[in-house]
Amino acid sequence: MDRLFPAAEDRWTPAGGAEFWDGYYADRNRPVPFFVNKPDEHLADYLDTGRLSPGRVLDLGCGPGRNAIFLASRGYRVDAVDMSPDGIEWARDRAAEARVEIAFHCGDAFALTRDELTGPYDIVVDSGFFHHLPPHRRISYLQLLERVLAVGGHLVLAAFAAWAPGSGSPVPDPDLYRDGKLYGGLAYTPQELRWIFSGLTEVEIRPMRKQPSTSPCYGWPFLLTALLRRD
């Protein structure tokens, strides 16, 4: 079903997405909010309040590596995946500067083998990966979680919120296939996340809390966050 979208709209496979994201990360000084080297505020909160225990982490769509580096600095064993060679290179540079060890994988998260993503992972972190997937790829995503997320493990998610104009597309799924585009990413309501991830137990779903520029964390209210547990 990937072929129902033109190659120019592909953001989720290396065939089209790698070139797009390489172009996105080429200028490291662009004023893009998530280029900051800070962890998501909800992720930091879950660690600080003890809702996440130490263990192994998989960071999906790690980009420049801000969440992966934060977790590695807290003593977690981290595997980080992104299809963009430029994104991975930037993340490696940041990890070296922070003097943390992270196993980086450049490629398609859905195609990496069990020898590459060894699992099981106690935490899967996703800050902006899921909302760039077309609807049919939600099945691939759930299958990946089934394979790599440990029983008792958590999914820590951040995705575009449907109530925030301009942050993502609330267009109905059939219209996305009719138009052949994702309009910059899909936006979700809490109810939609509950339906898609009904096989997981909801711990919390809430808007991301806006953070001032002086905060050690990243936070913008156009994102919806979730902490979900596999029981």
Foldseek 3Di string as FASTA:
>chain_A
DLVLFDLCQDCQFLSRNQVVVLVVPVDLPPPDQVSDLFAFPVVVVCVVVVVADAEEEEEEQCFLNSNVLVNQVVPHAYEYEHQHPSRVVNNVVVCVVSVGDYHYDHGRLLPDDCVRLVAQTQEYEYEENVQSDQPVCLVSVVVSCVPHHDAFHKYKYKFFAPVDPPRFDCDDRVVCSVVSHRRNTHHDHPVVVCVSVVQWAWPDKAFWDPDDPPDSHRTDRRMIITITHHD
